[in-house]
N, C-alpha and C. Protein backbone atom coordinates (compact mmCIF):
# COMPACT_ATOMS: atom_id res chain seq x y z
N UNK A 1 0.84 -1.04 -0.02
CA UNK A 1 0.00 -0.14 0.02
C UNK A 1 0.98 0.98 -0.12
N UNK A 2 0.39 2.43 -0.80
CA UNK A 2 1.33 3.51 -0.92
C UNK A 2 1.10 4.28 0.41
N UNK A 3 2.32 4.90 0.80
CA UNK A 3 2.12 5.82 2.08
C UNK A 3 1.67 7.06 2.34
N UNK A 4 1.43 7.37 0.65
CA UNK A 4 1.19 8.95 0.16
C UNK A 4 -0.25 8.92 0.24
N UNK A 5 -0.99 7.92 0.59
CA UNK A 5 -2.80 8.23 0.62
C UNK A 5 -3.09 9.37 1.71
N UNK A 6 -3.64 9.99 1.27
CA UNK A 6 -4.75 11.03 2.28
C UNK A 6 -5.75 10.19 2.56
N UNK A 7 -5.46 9.75 4.10
CA UNK A 7 -6.30 9.07 4.73
C UNK A 7 -7.23 10.04 5.70
N UNK A 8 -8.37 10.05 5.74
CA UNK A 8 -9.08 11.42 6.57
C UNK A 8 -8.87 10.88 7.72
N UNK A 9 -9.32 11.72 8.81
CA UNK A 9 -9.89 11.94 10.18
C UNK A 9 -10.79 12.50 10.24
N UNK A 10 -11.75 11.54 10.88
CA UNK A 10 -13.01 12.59 11.31
C UNK A 10 -12.88 13.45 12.69
N UNK A 11 -13.21 14.80 12.05
CA UNK A 11 -12.82 15.91 13.07
C UNK A 11 -13.92 16.20 14.01
N UNK A 12 -15.35 15.99 13.60
CA UNK A 12 -16.31 16.75 14.69
C UNK A 12 -17.60 16.32 14.29
N UNK A 13 -18.65 16.16 14.64
CA UNK A 13 -20.06 16.31 14.46
C UNK A 13 -20.63 17.94 14.60
N UNK A 14 -21.35 18.25 13.64
CA UNK A 14 -21.71 20.00 13.94
C UNK A 14 -23.31 19.90 14.36
N UNK A 15 -23.90 20.21 15.22
CA UNK A 15 -24.95 20.52 15.59
C UNK A 15 -25.61 22.14 15.49
N UNK A 16 -26.65 22.22 14.37
CA UNK A 16 -26.80 23.46 14.22
C UNK A 16 -27.67 23.69 15.44
N UNK A 17 -27.93 24.69 16.13
CA UNK A 17 -28.79 25.22 17.30
C UNK A 17 -29.30 26.65 17.18
N UNK A 18 -30.10 26.99 18.07
CA UNK A 18 -30.75 28.17 17.83
C UNK A 18 -29.76 29.27 18.89
N UNK A 19 -29.03 28.76 20.01
CA UNK A 19 -28.12 29.43 20.69
C UNK A 19 -26.78 28.31 20.98
N UNK A 20 -25.99 29.06 20.60
CA UNK A 20 -24.52 28.03 20.84
C UNK A 20 -24.10 27.91 22.44
N UNK A 21 -24.33 28.97 23.00
CA UNK A 21 -23.78 28.74 24.22
C UNK A 21 -24.65 28.07 25.31
N UNK A 22 -25.89 28.21 25.03
CA UNK A 22 -27.54 27.55 25.86
C UNK A 22 -27.07 26.15 25.65
N UNK A 23 -26.64 25.74 24.19
CA UNK A 23 -26.62 24.28 23.75
C UNK A 23 -25.61 23.76 24.37
N UNK A 24 -24.44 24.44 24.53
CA UNK A 24 -23.22 24.06 24.92
C UNK A 24 -23.43 23.31 26.61
N UNK A 25 -23.94 24.50 26.89
CA UNK A 25 -24.22 24.33 28.56
C UNK A 25 -25.06 23.38 28.66
N UNK A 26 -26.09 22.83 28.06
CA UNK A 26 -26.82 22.07 28.28
C UNK A 26 -26.63 20.51 27.95
N UNK A 27 -25.55 20.28 26.92
CA UNK A 27 -25.15 19.03 26.61
C UNK A 27 -23.92 18.54 27.70
N UNK A 28 -23.26 19.58 28.36
CA UNK A 28 -22.64 19.26 29.19
C UNK A 28 -23.05 18.80 30.73
N UNK A 29 -24.11 19.44 30.80
CA UNK A 29 -24.51 19.42 32.06
C UNK A 29 -25.73 18.01 31.96
N UNK A 30 -26.08 18.23 30.83
CA UNK A 30 -27.20 16.70 30.79
C UNK A 30 -26.72 15.39 30.36
N UNK A 31 -25.67 15.30 29.55
CA UNK A 31 -24.97 14.66 29.09
C UNK A 31 -23.50 14.04 29.67
N UNK A 32 -23.14 14.79 30.47
CA UNK A 32 -21.85 14.86 30.88
C UNK A 32 -20.66 15.04 30.12
N UNK A 33 -20.74 15.92 29.19
CA UNK A 33 -19.93 15.78 28.33
C UNK A 33 -18.89 17.13 28.97
N UNK A 34 -17.35 17.00 28.04
CA UNK A 34 -16.58 18.12 28.89
C UNK A 34 -16.64 19.39 27.68
N UNK A 35 -16.73 20.49 27.98
CA UNK A 35 -16.64 21.71 27.12
C UNK A 35 -15.10 22.05 27.03
N UNK A 36 -15.16 21.77 25.51
CA UNK A 36 -13.65 22.52 25.32
C UNK A 36 -13.53 23.70 24.80
N UNK A 37 -14.26 24.29 24.30
CA UNK A 37 -14.65 26.15 24.09
C UNK A 37 -15.75 26.52 23.27
N UNK A 38 -16.18 27.76 23.86
CA UNK A 38 -17.07 28.37 23.06
C UNK A 38 -16.22 29.70 22.75
N UNK A 39 -16.04 30.25 21.53
CA UNK A 39 -15.57 31.58 21.12
C UNK A 39 -15.85 32.63 21.65
N UNK A 40 -15.25 33.32 21.21
CA UNK A 40 -15.99 35.01 21.98
C UNK A 40 -17.00 35.59 21.29
N UNK A 41 -17.02 35.22 20.02
CA UNK A 41 -18.39 35.62 18.76
C UNK A 41 -19.53 34.83 19.57
N UNK A 42 -19.68 33.56 20.28
CA UNK A 42 -21.02 32.73 20.45
C UNK A 42 -21.19 32.03 19.14
N UNK A 43 -20.65 31.97 18.32
CA UNK A 43 -21.14 31.48 17.18
C UNK A 43 -20.57 29.84 16.86
N UNK A 44 -19.54 29.80 17.84
CA UNK A 44 -19.11 28.04 17.84
C UNK A 44 -18.70 28.00 19.13
N UNK A 45 -19.06 26.72 19.46
CA UNK A 45 -18.83 25.70 20.87
C UNK A 45 -18.34 24.43 20.05
N UNK A 46 -17.42 23.76 21.08
CA UNK A 46 -16.90 22.72 21.18
C UNK A 46 -17.11 21.92 22.41
N UNK A 47 -17.64 20.30 22.45
CA UNK A 47 -17.87 20.04 23.58
C UNK A 47 -16.79 18.52 22.77
N UNK A 48 -15.93 17.88 24.37
CA UNK A 48 -15.04 16.52 24.04
C UNK A 48 -15.92 15.61 24.59
N UNK A 49 -16.03 14.63 23.83
CA UNK A 49 -16.99 13.27 25.03
C UNK A 49 -15.75 12.36 24.29
N UNK A 50 -14.89 11.67 24.77
CA UNK A 50 -14.28 10.70 24.92
C UNK A 50 -13.23 11.02 23.48
N UNK A 51 -13.27 10.34 22.26
CA UNK A 51 -12.42 10.71 21.21
C UNK A 51 -13.09 11.79 20.18
N UNK A 52 -14.16 11.83 20.26
CA UNK A 52 -15.15 12.46 19.62
C UNK A 52 -15.48 14.12 20.08
N UNK A 53 -15.52 15.01 19.19
CA UNK A 53 -15.87 16.20 19.48
C UNK A 53 -17.21 16.46 18.68
N UNK A 54 -18.13 17.03 19.55
CA UNK A 54 -19.38 17.77 19.28
C UNK A 54 -19.37 19.33 19.22
N UNK A 55 -19.41 19.50 17.84
CA UNK A 55 -19.54 21.16 17.56
C UNK A 55 -20.91 21.62 17.51
N UNK A 56 -20.71 23.23 17.94
CA UNK A 56 -21.99 23.57 18.01
C UNK A 56 -22.03 24.84 17.30
N UNK A 57 -22.84 25.54 16.31
CA UNK A 57 -23.20 26.61 15.60
C UNK A 57 -24.53 27.05 15.30
N UNK A 58 -24.78 28.27 15.13
CA UNK A 58 -25.87 28.50 14.95
C UNK A 58 -26.99 28.19 13.65
N UNK A 59 -28.11 27.79 14.14
CA UNK A 59 -28.71 27.20 12.54
C UNK A 59 -28.79 28.34 11.14
N UNK A 60 -29.00 29.60 12.01
CA UNK A 60 -29.16 30.91 10.90
C UNK A 60 -27.74 31.49 11.10
N UNK A 61 -27.19 31.53 10.33
CA UNK A 61 -25.78 32.24 9.73
C UNK A 61 -25.54 32.43 8.67
N UNK A 62 -24.37 33.47 8.51
CA UNK A 62 -24.24 33.69 7.17
C UNK A 62 -23.66 32.72 6.25
N UNK A 63 -23.06 31.82 6.57
CA UNK A 63 -22.20 30.58 5.65
C UNK A 63 -23.29 29.67 5.40
N UNK A 64 -24.10 29.15 6.53
CA UNK A 64 -24.99 28.08 5.81
C UNK A 64 -26.48 28.72 5.29
N UNK A 65 -26.54 30.27 5.47
CA UNK A 65 -27.44 30.92 4.54
C UNK A 65 -27.01 30.80 3.20
N UNK A 66 -25.80 31.10 2.66
CA UNK A 66 -25.35 30.79 1.71
C UNK A 66 -25.36 29.49 0.81
N UNK A 67 -25.10 28.66 1.72
CA UNK A 67 -24.89 27.26 1.09
C UNK A 67 -26.70 26.70 0.84
N UNK A 68 -27.70 27.36 1.88
CA UNK A 68 -28.94 26.89 1.53
C UNK A 68 -29.33 26.46 -0.09
N UNK A 69 -28.87 27.71 -0.73
CA UNK A 69 -29.35 27.03 -2.20
C UNK A 69 -28.50 26.15 -2.85
N UNK A 70 -27.34 25.86 -2.42
CA UNK A 70 -26.52 24.50 -2.83
C UNK A 70 -26.83 23.38 -2.23
N UNK A 71 -27.13 23.38 -0.93
CA UNK A 71 -27.42 22.19 0.28
C UNK A 71 -28.71 22.01 0.35
N UNK A 72 -29.81 21.45 -0.46
CA UNK A 72 -31.13 21.17 0.15
C UNK A 72 -30.99 20.40 1.07
N UNK A 73 -31.65 20.55 2.41
CA UNK A 73 -31.70 19.88 3.57
C UNK A 73 -32.94 19.09 3.33
N UNK A 74 -33.19 18.00 3.62
CA UNK A 74 -34.25 16.95 2.73
C UNK A 74 -35.11 17.25 4.31
N UNK A 75 -36.44 16.85 3.70
CA UNK A 75 -37.65 17.19 4.43
C UNK A 75 -37.60 15.55 5.16
N UNK A 76 -37.81 15.38 6.49
CA UNK A 76 -37.92 13.92 7.01
C UNK A 76 -39.28 14.09 8.36
N UNK A 77 -39.63 12.83 8.43
CA UNK A 77 -40.48 13.27 9.86
C UNK A 77 -39.63 13.32 10.98
N UNK A 78 -38.49 12.80 11.14
CA UNK A 78 -37.87 13.40 12.32
C UNK A 78 -36.48 14.05 11.90
N UNK A 79 -35.87 14.21 12.63
CA UNK A 79 -34.36 15.10 12.33
C UNK A 79 -33.38 14.02 11.48
N UNK A 80 -32.93 14.90 10.14
CA UNK A 80 -31.82 13.90 9.70
C UNK A 80 -30.62 13.79 10.38
N UNK A 81 -30.28 14.24 11.97
CA UNK A 81 -29.05 13.33 12.79
C UNK A 81 -29.83 12.99 13.76
N UNK A 82 -29.11 12.00 14.32
CA UNK A 82 -29.04 11.75 15.83
C UNK A 82 -27.84 11.41 16.64
N UNK A 83 -27.87 12.39 17.72
CA UNK A 83 -26.43 11.99 18.53
C UNK A 83 -26.55 11.02 19.33
N UNK A 84 -25.53 9.90 19.63
CA UNK A 84 -25.32 8.45 20.36
C UNK A 84 -24.25 8.95 21.40
N UNK A 85 -24.85 8.87 22.61
CA UNK A 85 -23.62 8.69 23.62
C UNK A 85 -23.81 7.17 24.12
N UNK A 86 -22.44 6.40 24.43
CA UNK A 86 -22.55 5.35 25.20
C UNK A 86 -22.20 5.32 26.71
N UNK A 87 -22.69 4.85 27.73
CA UNK A 87 -22.83 4.97 29.23
C UNK A 87 -22.39 3.56 29.59
N UNK A 88 -22.03 3.67 30.97
CA UNK A 88 -21.75 2.33 31.52
C UNK A 88 -23.28 2.37 31.90
N UNK A 89 -23.75 3.28 32.75
CA UNK A 89 -25.32 3.12 33.44
C UNK A 89 -25.90 3.99 32.75
N UNK A 90 -26.87 3.28 31.47
CA UNK A 90 -27.97 3.93 31.04
C UNK A 90 -29.03 5.07 31.48
N UNK A 91 -29.63 3.94 32.76
CA UNK A 91 -30.23 4.54 33.33
C UNK A 91 -30.28 6.07 34.44
N UNK A 92 -28.77 5.95 35.08
CA UNK A 92 -29.18 7.10 35.60
C UNK A 92 -28.47 8.18 34.85
N UNK A 93 -27.73 7.97 33.48
CA UNK A 93 -27.25 8.99 32.49
C UNK A 93 -28.60 9.71 31.89
N UNK A 94 -29.68 8.84 31.58
CA UNK A 94 -30.82 8.87 30.91
C UNK A 94 -31.87 10.07 32.06
N UNK A 95 -31.67 9.44 33.72
CA UNK A 95 -32.45 10.72 34.48
C UNK A 95 -31.69 11.88 34.44
N UNK A 96 -30.14 11.56 34.62
CA UNK A 96 -29.61 13.25 34.44
C UNK A 96 -29.73 14.31 33.62
N UNK A 97 -30.15 13.27 32.55
CA UNK A 97 -30.67 14.15 30.90
C UNK A 97 -31.79 14.48 31.26
N UNK A 98 -32.94 14.26 31.81
CA UNK A 98 -33.88 14.66 32.09
C UNK A 98 -34.25 15.42 32.84
N UNK A 99 -33.27 15.30 34.10
CA UNK A 99 -33.62 16.01 35.25
C UNK A 99 -32.86 17.79 34.67
N UNK A 100 -32.38 17.49 33.59
CA UNK A 100 -31.35 18.70 33.18
C UNK A 100 -31.94 19.21 31.92
N UNK A 101 -33.08 18.83 31.55
CA UNK A 101 -33.65 19.56 30.64
C UNK A 101 -34.11 19.00 29.45
N UNK A 102 -33.62 17.64 29.08
CA UNK A 102 -33.94 16.93 27.90
C UNK A 102 -35.27 16.30 27.77
N UNK A 103 -36.12 16.18 27.08
CA UNK A 103 -37.17 15.50 27.00
C UNK A 103 -37.35 14.20 26.57
N UNK A 104 -37.78 13.70 27.34
CA UNK A 104 -38.05 12.12 27.71
C UNK A 104 -38.51 11.65 26.13
N UNK A 105 -38.03 10.51 25.98
CA UNK A 105 -38.67 10.18 24.28
C UNK A 105 -39.16 8.61 24.42
N UNK A 106 -38.17 7.78 24.93
CA UNK A 106 -38.40 6.30 25.38
C UNK A 106 -37.27 6.05 26.69
N UNK A 107 -37.88 5.54 27.47
CA UNK A 107 -37.21 4.92 28.95
C UNK A 107 -36.11 3.95 28.23
N UNK A 108 -34.98 4.04 29.09
CA UNK A 108 -34.06 2.92 28.60
C UNK A 108 -34.51 1.21 28.65
N UNK A 109 -34.39 0.59 27.74
CA UNK A 109 -34.95 -1.16 27.68
C UNK A 109 -33.72 -1.78 27.07
N UNK A 110 -33.80 -2.80 27.32
CA UNK A 110 -32.93 -4.11 26.83
C UNK A 110 -33.44 -4.15 25.61
N UNK A 111 -32.38 -4.03 24.33
CA UNK A 111 -32.52 -4.59 23.19
C UNK A 111 -32.60 -5.77 23.31
N UNK A 112 -32.34 -6.69 21.79
CA UNK A 112 -32.64 -7.88 21.42
C UNK A 112 -31.12 -8.04 21.07
N UNK A 113 -30.24 -7.19 20.45
CA UNK A 113 -28.97 -7.48 19.83
C UNK A 113 -27.91 -6.94 21.58
N UNK A 114 -28.70 -6.91 22.87
CA UNK A 114 -27.85 -6.91 23.73
C UNK A 114 -27.54 -5.66 24.39
N UNK A 115 -28.24 -4.76 24.16
CA UNK A 115 -27.93 -3.05 24.36
C UNK A 115 -28.96 -2.59 25.02
N UNK A 116 -28.61 -1.82 26.03
CA UNK A 116 -29.45 -0.77 26.89
C UNK A 116 -30.27 0.65 26.06
N UNK A 117 -30.94 1.10 25.34
CA UNK A 117 -30.87 1.97 25.08
C UNK A 117 -31.96 2.82 25.32
N UNK A 118 -32.00 4.29 25.39
CA UNK A 118 -33.32 5.42 25.66
C UNK A 118 -33.04 6.30 24.87
N UNK A 119 -33.87 7.19 24.59
CA UNK A 119 -34.13 8.18 23.95
C UNK A 119 -34.63 9.60 24.45
N UNK A 120 -33.92 10.80 23.93
CA UNK A 120 -34.24 11.76 24.51
C UNK A 120 -34.32 12.81 23.55
N UNK A 121 -34.58 14.08 24.08
CA UNK A 121 -34.79 15.17 22.74
C UNK A 121 -33.98 16.14 23.31
N UNK A 122 -33.02 17.11 22.68
CA UNK A 122 -32.10 18.00 23.20
C UNK A 122 -33.23 19.69 23.53
N UNK A 123 -32.26 20.25 23.36
CA UNK A 123 -33.39 21.49 23.63
C UNK A 123 -33.37 22.19 22.60
N UNK A 124 -32.91 21.76 21.50
CA UNK A 124 -33.56 22.44 20.05
C UNK A 124 -34.21 21.20 19.10
N UNK A 125 -34.89 19.97 19.94
CA UNK A 125 -35.61 18.95 19.27
C UNK A 125 -34.79 18.06 18.75
N UNK A 126 -33.49 17.99 18.50
CA UNK A 126 -32.80 16.82 17.93
C UNK A 126 -32.77 15.80 18.83
N UNK A 127 -32.66 14.48 18.40
CA UNK A 127 -32.81 13.37 18.63
C UNK A 127 -31.38 12.79 18.94
N UNK A 128 -31.37 12.43 20.83
CA UNK A 128 -30.36 11.76 21.23
C UNK A 128 -30.60 10.66 21.99
N UNK A 129 -29.80 9.63 21.49
CA UNK A 129 -29.84 8.16 21.54
C UNK A 129 -28.84 7.64 22.90
N UNK A 130 -28.93 7.55 24.03
CA UNK A 130 -28.39 6.74 24.88
C UNK A 130 -28.40 5.47 25.18
N UNK A 131 -26.99 4.55 24.76
CA UNK A 131 -27.22 3.31 25.34
C UNK A 131 -25.71 2.86 26.11
N UNK A 132 -25.91 1.48 26.06
CA UNK A 132 -24.80 0.97 26.63
C UNK A 132 -24.05 0.47 25.67
N UNK A 133 -22.62 0.23 26.05
CA UNK A 133 -21.56 -0.01 24.58
C UNK A 133 -21.88 -1.48 24.43
N UNK A 134 -21.95 -1.87 23.39
CA UNK A 134 -22.08 -3.07 22.55
C UNK A 134 -20.82 -3.80 22.11
N UNK A 135 -20.64 -5.10 23.09
CA UNK A 135 -18.90 -5.38 22.98
C UNK A 135 -19.48 -6.83 21.77
N UNK A 136 -18.29 -6.48 21.02
CA UNK A 136 -18.43 -7.03 19.23
C UNK A 136 -17.45 -8.42 19.71
């Protein structure tokens, strides 16, 4: 295999939100993520969750407004993104999320594939899946 192949590194997932600062604080408190930064403009925020970074930016901003003509967002019955977190104790993580403003969608339950999974919605209505780690 050639050594000059440009292999991508997954950088982060961006969540478009109404209020970056409020969403960063919500995710940190409700899901236990570590705040990496919120920039001075309050138009960009980052959370660290293990090896993955979640980034937040306003749904209405100049760059995304310019892209609207080029990148059409598909219309679905549910949001086109789902954020997933693994926890060793899904029940207590679900409880913490709801106590800190997440809307309960589905209480954690054991799934046939050996994972305990529950669902909530964040303060912008995005689906957040909370599950135990599945060992392969």
